[in-house]
Amino acid sequence: MTPQRICMPGDTVTPIPILTALLPKTEAGGSGAEMVFSPKAEQLSLAASVSLLPNNLSSISREDGSTTHFYIHNATVWSTTTCSGRKEEHKLVCMFGELAAVQDIQIVDISTEQVLVVAGVGGVKFLSLYGRSLGEFQSDEANVDEPTTYKGICGTTSTLILVGNSNGEILSFSFDGSAFVLLRRTHVAETPLTQIVSTPNEEVVIAEDSGQVCVLSKDLKKKYYLIADPTDVPCHSLIAWEDYIAGGFEDGAIRFFSLKDQKLLVTVNGHARSVFALDMDASASLLVSVGIDSKAQIWRVKYPTSADVSISVELVFTATIKDRMLVGAMLLSSKEQLAITCYDSYKLVVFSKC
């Protein structure tokens, strides 16, 4: 693999070609979809090229109009802060000890605070959004040849931070007033965990490397499976809202589940290759998906009007970022912009609403 490099002052950055197309017209002659985002994208410089990891972008917008984007470059996490009319500001946030050690990043809301959680090979780090350390966990490895990898991060309504690992465990961390400390570890799966998400009703949904998807209770006891049998098709991204779950899978499918009915509702074959990130604007019923097939897509979720009708999903926007694998996607807090990261690129692609 070609080494990923850091953008240095004076470098010439080549813009990424973006080919955008909306849905064709329907048979009735009407528009197949409204234009929810403009096909013209802005491109912002990052400090380092982005690693090939699912969900490799976590962003936060502030009241002063600035937005900070966090992303993984090999064993490091970088931030890039942008504000209208100002030059991008870059910062090295943290570093792990070995090459390609960082596997997952997530901004988690805990009470009134926001915490950046960084997980990877051998441990987990907790930081403020300005880079101050809020604690660190390092696993006591008996087998250094196969160290434990930590990935899958979420917060809970009970102010805990949950982190999964390659041993099928969930580690629960709490804040003791000065730092995050390990409260307990719970074995929940027989294969490595790939994703964790908490639901509005305080359940926890886990995705396994085997392809199974399971719903746990608040105390992390198994309740039921949404996908019970191993498929060897891992889920790379999970989104929870209301009574629904959406998962982006390695086979390019987006699967929608009902927590209320405890079942799969619909499968959308939205991408030709792995879906690497999802994000959701629940207020507008819009789901964003990006994949390593170079596609960024927006789907409108239509909810059932009666008990015998399932949800339906309509594609309302699609963009192709030519020759790039898309690895991260975030609807910024205003929901007026969509930010996307691309593997082996130090450009952030931003689409804005019309």
Protein backbone atom coordinates (compact mmCIF):
# COMPACT_ATOMS: atom_id res chain seq x y z
CA MET A 1 0.00 0.00 0.00
CA THR A 2 1.28 3.43 -0.85
CA PRO A 3 2.17 5.33 2.33
CA GLN A 4 -0.31 8.05 3.20
CA ARG A 5 1.36 11.40 3.58
CA ILE A 6 0.78 14.65 5.36
CA CYS A 7 0.04 17.82 3.41
CA MET A 8 2.95 20.20 3.88
CA PRO A 9 2.95 24.00 3.47
CA GLY A 10 3.45 24.94 -0.16
CA ASP A 11 2.00 21.67 -1.51
CA THR A 12 -0.18 21.95 -4.60
CA VAL A 13 -3.49 20.19 -3.96
CA THR A 14 -5.25 18.77 -6.99
CA PRO A 15 -9.05 19.07 -6.80
CA ILE A 16 -11.02 15.82 -6.78
CA PRO A 17 -13.19 15.33 -9.88
CA ILE A 18 -16.86 15.15 -8.83
CA LEU A 19 -19.51 13.84 -11.19
CA THR A 20 -23.03 14.44 -9.91
CA ALA A 21 -26.33 13.17 -11.30
CA LEU A 22 -29.89 13.25 -10.04
CA LEU A 23 -32.50 10.57 -10.58
CA PRO A 24 -34.16 10.40 -14.00
CA LYS A 25 -37.76 11.45 -14.41
CA THR A 26 -40.50 9.03 -13.48
CA GLU A 27 -42.77 7.34 -16.00
CA ALA A 28 -45.47 9.84 -15.13
CA GLY A 29 -43.18 12.59 -16.34
CA GLY A 30 -42.62 14.23 -12.98
CA SER A 31 -39.33 14.71 -11.23
CA GLY A 32 -38.01 11.48 -9.71
CA ALA A 33 -36.50 13.41 -6.79
CA GLU A 34 -36.15 16.89 -5.47
CA MET A 35 -32.74 18.50 -5.38
CA VAL A 36 -31.88 18.31 -1.67
CA PHE A 37 -28.22 19.27 -2.13
CA SER A 38 -26.45 21.23 -4.81
CA PRO A 39 -24.37 19.14 -7.24
CA LYS A 40 -21.54 21.65 -6.87
CA ALA A 41 -19.22 20.73 -4.01
CA GLU A 42 -16.66 22.74 -2.11
CA GLN A 43 -13.29 21.13 -1.37
CA LEU A 44 -11.32 21.94 1.77
CA SER A 45 -7.74 20.94 2.57
CA LEU A 46 -6.97 18.44 5.33
CA ALA A 47 -3.67 18.07 7.18
CA ALA A 48 -3.18 14.42 6.24
CA SER A 49 -4.55 11.83 3.85
CA VAL A 50 -7.41 9.78 5.26
CA SER A 51 -7.04 6.09 6.15
CA LEU A 52 -9.18 3.30 4.70
CA LEU A 53 -11.44 2.82 7.73
CA PRO A 54 -15.24 2.90 8.08
CA ASN A 55 -16.78 6.04 9.60
CA ASN A 56 -13.49 7.94 9.26
CA LEU A 57 -14.95 11.36 10.03
CA SER A 58 -16.45 12.92 13.13
CA SER A 59 -17.41 16.60 13.00
CA ILE A 60 -18.73 19.25 15.34
CA SER A 61 -20.11 22.72 14.55
CA ARG A 62 -19.84 25.58 17.05
CA GLU A 63 -21.86 28.71 17.78
CA ASP A 64 -19.14 30.96 16.29
CA GLY A 65 -19.77 29.38 12.87
CA SER A 66 -16.65 27.22 12.86
CA THR A 67 -16.65 23.47 12.26
CA THR A 68 -13.97 21.02 13.40
CA HIS A 69 -13.48 17.74 11.55
CA PHE A 70 -11.61 14.84 13.17
CA TYR A 71 -10.15 12.05 11.02
CA ILE A 72 -7.65 9.19 11.17
CA HIS A 73 -4.33 9.06 9.35
CA ASN A 74 -2.54 5.78 10.16
CA ALA A 75 -1.57 5.94 13.86
CA THR A 76 -2.66 9.56 14.31
CA VAL A 77 -5.84 11.58 14.69
CA TRP A 78 -5.92 15.05 13.15
CA SER A 79 -8.39 17.90 13.33
CA THR A 80 -9.13 20.55 10.72
CA THR A 81 -11.17 23.58 11.74
CA THR A 82 -12.91 25.64 9.08
CA CYS A 83 -14.80 28.92 9.27
CA SER A 84 -16.26 31.02 6.49
CA GLY A 85 -13.66 33.41 5.13
CA ARG A 86 -10.79 31.92 7.14
CA LYS A 87 -7.96 29.56 6.25
CA GLU A 88 -8.18 25.98 7.52
CA GLU A 89 -6.46 25.33 10.86
CA HIS A 90 -4.87 21.90 11.35
CA LYS A 91 -3.87 20.17 14.57
CA LEU A 92 -2.38 16.80 15.54
CA VAL A 93 -4.83 15.60 18.22
CA CYS A 94 -3.26 12.33 19.38
CA MET A 95 -1.00 9.49 18.31
CA PHE A 96 -0.94 5.76 18.97
CA GLY A 97 2.29 3.86 19.32
CA GLU A 98 2.29 1.67 16.24
CA LEU A 99 1.56 2.10 12.55
CA ALA A 100 -2.16 2.05 11.60
CA ALA A 101 -3.11 1.54 15.26
CA VAL A 102 -6.10 3.92 15.33
CA GLN A 103 -9.29 2.15 14.20
CA ASP A 104 -12.24 4.34 15.24
CA ILE A 105 -13.10 7.87 16.37
CA GLN A 106 -16.37 9.30 17.64
CA ILE A 107 -17.58 12.49 19.29
CA VAL A 108 -19.83 11.41 22.18
CA ASP A 109 -22.25 13.64 24.11
CA ILE A 110 -22.00 13.04 27.86
CA SER A 111 -24.37 15.24 29.88
CA THR A 112 -23.42 18.76 28.81
CA GLU A 113 -19.95 17.77 27.63
CA GLN A 114 -18.67 16.43 24.32
CA VAL A 115 -15.83 13.94 24.34
CA LEU A 116 -13.65 12.69 21.49
CA VAL A 117 -13.14 8.94 21.90
CA VAL A 118 -10.26 7.34 19.99
CA ALA A 119 -10.06 3.54 19.84
CA GLY A 120 -7.45 1.29 18.28
CA VAL A 121 -4.96 -1.50 18.77
CA GLY A 122 -4.31 -2.04 22.46
CA GLY A 123 -6.36 0.76 23.97
CA VAL A 124 -8.75 3.71 24.08
CA LYS A 125 -8.13 7.44 24.59
CA PHE A 126 -10.57 10.11 25.80
CA LEU A 127 -9.98 13.75 24.93
CA SER A 128 -11.72 17.08 25.06
CA LEU A 129 -12.51 18.60 21.67
CA TYR A 130 -9.50 20.87 22.21
CA GLY A 131 -7.11 17.94 22.74
CA ARG A 132 -6.89 17.81 26.55
CA SER A 133 -6.55 14.25 27.89
CA LEU A 134 -9.57 12.97 29.81
CA GLY A 135 -8.18 9.51 30.47
CA GLU A 136 -6.64 6.54 28.72
CA PHE A 137 -7.20 2.79 28.86
CA GLN A 138 -4.54 0.29 27.84
CA SER A 139 -5.28 -3.42 27.71
CA ASP A 140 -3.08 -5.81 29.67
CA GLU A 141 -2.14 -8.05 26.77
CA ALA A 142 -1.08 -11.63 27.46
CA ASN A 143 -0.55 -12.28 23.74
CA VAL A 144 1.42 -9.45 22.14
CA ASP A 145 1.34 -11.22 18.74
CA GLU A 146 -2.45 -10.74 18.56
CA PRO A 147 -3.24 -7.60 20.55
CA THR A 148 -6.84 -6.67 21.22
CA THR A 149 -8.32 -4.14 18.81
CA TYR A 150 -10.93 -1.69 20.06
CA LYS A 151 -13.60 -0.29 17.73
CA GLY A 152 -17.28 0.53 17.89
CA ILE A 153 -18.03 3.55 20.11
CA CYS A 154 -21.23 5.03 21.51
CA GLY A 155 -22.57 7.01 24.44
CA THR A 156 -25.61 6.12 26.52
CA THR A 157 -28.31 8.15 28.23
CA SER A 158 -26.82 7.01 31.56
CA THR A 159 -23.61 8.96 30.74
CA LEU A 160 -21.54 5.85 30.03
CA ILE A 161 -19.25 5.46 27.03
CA LEU A 162 -19.27 1.99 25.48
CA VAL A 163 -16.39 0.64 23.37
CA GLY A 164 -16.32 -2.75 21.64
CA ASN A 165 -13.33 -4.97 20.96
CA SER A 166 -12.06 -7.91 18.95
CA ASN A 167 -12.74 -10.32 21.83
CA GLY A 168 -16.49 -9.76 21.56
CA GLU A 169 -16.55 -7.56 24.65
CA ILE A 170 -18.10 -4.18 25.46
CA LEU A 171 -16.14 -2.01 27.86
CA SER A 172 -18.18 0.50 29.87
CA PHE A 173 -16.42 3.70 30.93
CA SER A 174 -17.63 6.35 33.34
CA PHE A 175 -16.27 9.76 34.31
CA ASP A 176 -15.02 9.94 37.93
CA GLY A 177 -14.75 13.72 38.00
CA SER A 178 -11.27 13.94 36.54
CA ALA A 179 -10.94 11.13 33.97
CA PHE A 180 -12.80 8.30 32.28
CA VAL A 181 -12.22 4.96 34.03
CA LEU A 182 -13.21 1.40 33.21
CA LEU A 183 -16.37 0.48 35.08
CA ARG A 184 -16.87 -3.04 33.77
CA ARG A 185 -16.38 -5.29 30.75
CA THR A 186 -19.13 -7.51 29.39
CA HIS A 187 -18.74 -10.43 26.98
CA VAL A 188 -21.54 -10.12 24.42
CA ALA A 189 -20.40 -11.93 21.23
CA GLU A 190 -18.27 -14.78 19.95
CA THR A 191 -16.73 -12.78 17.11
CA PRO A 192 -15.16 -9.29 17.00
CA LEU A 193 -17.51 -6.33 17.24
CA THR A 194 -17.57 -3.95 14.29
CA GLN A 195 -20.14 -1.36 15.44
CA ILE A 196 -22.15 -0.29 18.49
CA VAL A 197 -25.05 2.17 18.68
CA SER A 198 -27.42 3.15 21.47
CA THR A 199 -31.11 3.67 20.80
CA PRO A 200 -33.49 6.36 22.12
CA ASN A 201 -35.12 3.78 24.43
CA GLU A 202 -31.73 2.90 25.99
CA GLU A 203 -31.15 -0.39 24.18
CA VAL A 204 -27.74 -1.12 22.63
CA VAL A 205 -27.36 -2.61 19.14
CA ILE A 206 -24.15 -4.42 18.23
CA ALA A 207 -22.84 -5.62 14.87
CA GLU A 208 -20.39 -8.52 14.71
CA ASP A 209 -17.71 -9.42 12.21
CA SER A 210 -19.76 -12.55 11.49
CA GLY A 211 -22.56 -10.38 10.08
CA GLN A 212 -24.91 -10.93 13.02
CA VAL A 213 -26.74 -7.93 14.47
CA CYS A 214 -28.06 -8.17 18.03
CA VAL A 215 -30.10 -5.96 20.35
CA LEU A 216 -29.00 -5.78 23.99
CA SER A 217 -30.78 -4.41 27.02
CA LYS A 218 -29.51 -1.38 28.93
CA ASP A 219 -27.45 -3.70 31.16
CA LEU A 220 -25.97 -5.37 28.02
CA LYS A 221 -27.89 -8.63 28.23
CA LYS A 222 -28.99 -10.17 24.94
CA LYS A 223 -32.64 -9.56 24.04
CA TYR A 224 -32.99 -10.66 20.42
CA TYR A 225 -31.23 -10.84 17.05
CA LEU A 226 -32.06 -8.71 14.05
CA ILE A 227 -29.74 -10.94 11.97
CA ALA A 228 -29.38 -14.23 13.84
CA ASP A 229 -27.33 -16.41 11.49
CA PRO A 230 -23.69 -15.70 10.57
CA THR A 231 -23.45 -14.33 7.03
CA ASP A 232 -19.77 -13.27 6.89
CA VAL A 233 -21.07 -9.92 5.60
CA PRO A 234 -20.07 -7.43 8.31
CA CYS A 235 -21.97 -4.26 9.09
CA HIS A 236 -19.63 -1.24 8.95
CA SER A 237 -22.00 1.50 10.12
CA LEU A 238 -25.13 1.68 12.29
CA ILE A 239 -27.63 4.51 12.80
CA ALA A 240 -30.49 4.48 15.33
CA TRP A 241 -33.50 6.84 15.44
CA GLU A 242 -36.99 6.51 16.88
CA ASP A 243 -37.84 2.77 16.62
CA TYR A 244 -35.59 2.12 13.63
CA ILE A 245 -32.07 0.94 12.86
CA ALA A 246 -30.21 1.26 9.55
CA GLY A 247 -27.01 -0.63 8.83
CA GLY A 248 -24.48 -0.27 6.02
CA PHE A 249 -23.00 -3.63 5.02
CA GLU A 250 -19.98 -4.97 3.20
CA ASP A 251 -22.13 -6.31 0.33
CA GLY A 252 -23.22 -2.75 -0.55
CA ALA A 253 -26.67 -3.10 1.00
CA ILE A 254 -28.39 -0.79 3.46
CA ARG A 255 -30.73 -2.77 5.73
CA PHE A 256 -33.53 -1.14 7.69
CA PHE A 257 -34.83 -2.80 10.86
CA SER A 258 -37.75 -2.21 13.19
CA LEU A 259 -36.95 -2.33 16.90
CA LYS A 260 -40.65 -2.34 17.70
CA ASP A 261 -41.37 -5.37 15.49
CA GLN A 262 -37.87 -6.87 16.00
CA LYS A 263 -37.34 -7.65 12.33
CA LEU A 264 -35.77 -6.63 9.02
CA LEU A 265 -38.08 -4.27 7.13
CA VAL A 266 -36.36 -3.63 3.81
CA THR A 267 -33.01 -4.13 2.09
CA VAL A 268 -31.79 -1.44 -0.31
CA ASN A 269 -29.00 -2.47 -2.67
CA GLY A 270 -27.66 1.04 -2.74
CA HIS A 271 -23.97 0.55 -3.50
CA ALA A 272 -21.87 -1.66 -5.75
CA ARG A 273 -19.29 -2.18 -2.98
CA SER A 274 -19.05 -1.83 0.80
CA VAL A 275 -21.06 0.86 2.55
CA PHE A 276 -18.54 2.57 4.82
CA ALA A 277 -20.56 5.29 6.57
CA LEU A 278 -24.13 6.38 7.31
CA ASP A 279 -25.60 9.51 8.83
CA MET A 280 -29.18 10.56 9.49
CA ASP A 281 -31.27 13.71 9.61
CA ALA A 282 -34.25 12.25 11.42
CA SER A 283 -36.22 15.51 11.33
CA ALA A 284 -36.20 15.42 7.51
CA SER A 285 -36.23 11.61 7.23
CA LEU A 286 -33.03 11.73 5.17
CA LEU A 287 -30.34 9.03 5.37
CA VAL A 288 -26.86 9.57 3.90
CA SER A 289 -24.75 6.63 2.72
CA VAL A 290 -21.24 6.57 1.25
CA GLY A 291 -19.26 3.63 -0.02
CA ILE A 292 -16.00 2.55 -1.51
CA ASP A 293 -17.76 2.49 -4.91
CA SER A 294 -17.21 6.30 -5.03
CA LYS A 295 -20.92 7.01 -4.45
CA ALA A 296 -22.45 9.45 -1.98
CA GLN A 297 -26.22 9.02 -1.79
CA ILE A 298 -29.15 10.49 0.11
CA TRP A 299 -32.31 8.49 0.74
CA ARG A 300 -35.72 9.67 1.92
CA VAL A 301 -37.33 7.27 4.36
CA LYS A 302 -41.13 7.13 4.14
CA TYR A 303 -42.87 5.68 7.16
CA PRO A 304 -45.85 3.31 7.10
CA THR A 305 -49.33 4.78 7.35
CA SER A 306 -50.90 1.49 8.47
CA ALA A 307 -49.82 -1.67 10.27
CA ASP A 308 -49.75 -3.77 7.09
CA VAL A 309 -47.42 -1.40 5.20
CA SER A 310 -43.65 -1.30 5.67
CA ILE A 311 -41.35 1.69 5.27
CA SER A 312 -40.18 2.65 1.80
CA VAL A 313 -36.92 4.26 0.76
CA GLU A 314 -36.45 6.66 -2.16
CA LEU A 315 -33.14 7.85 -3.60
CA VAL A 316 -33.22 11.66 -3.77
CA PHE A 317 -29.58 12.57 -4.43
CA THR A 318 -26.48 10.82 -5.73
CA ALA A 319 -22.96 12.00 -6.43
CA THR A 320 -19.91 10.22 -7.76
CA ILE A 321 -16.52 11.35 -6.46
CA LYS A 322 -14.42 9.97 -9.25
CA ASP A 323 -11.72 7.38 -8.48
CA ARG A 324 -12.13 7.74 -4.72
CA MET A 325 -13.24 5.35 -1.98
CA LEU A 326 -15.56 7.26 0.35
CA VAL A 327 -14.96 6.43 4.01
CA GLY A 328 -16.70 9.08 6.12
CA ALA A 329 -19.88 11.17 5.99
CA MET A 330 -21.35 13.72 8.39
CA LEU A 331 -24.38 15.94 8.15
CA LEU A 332 -23.19 19.03 9.97
CA SER A 333 -25.24 20.27 12.92
CA SER A 334 -27.27 22.73 10.86
CA LYS A 335 -28.10 19.85 8.46
CA GLU A 336 -27.40 22.32 5.68
CA GLN A 337 -24.09 20.72 4.66
CA LEU A 338 -22.80 17.21 4.03
CA ALA A 339 -19.07 16.57 4.61
CA ILE A 340 -17.33 13.54 3.07
CA THR A 341 -13.84 12.09 3.47
CA CYS A 342 -12.08 10.02 0.80
CA TYR A 343 -9.41 7.36 1.25
CA ASP A 344 -5.83 8.44 0.49
CA SER A 345 -6.93 12.02 -0.07
CA TYR A 346 -6.36 15.19 1.94
CA LYS A 347 -9.42 16.93 0.57
CA LEU A 348 -12.71 17.21 2.44
CA VAL A 349 -15.68 17.34 0.03
CA VAL A 350 -18.63 19.46 1.22
CA PHE A 351 -22.06 19.57 -0.44
CA SER A 352 -24.53 22.30 0.57
CA LYS A 353 -28.31 22.36 0.41
CA CYS A 354 -29.88 24.34 -2.40
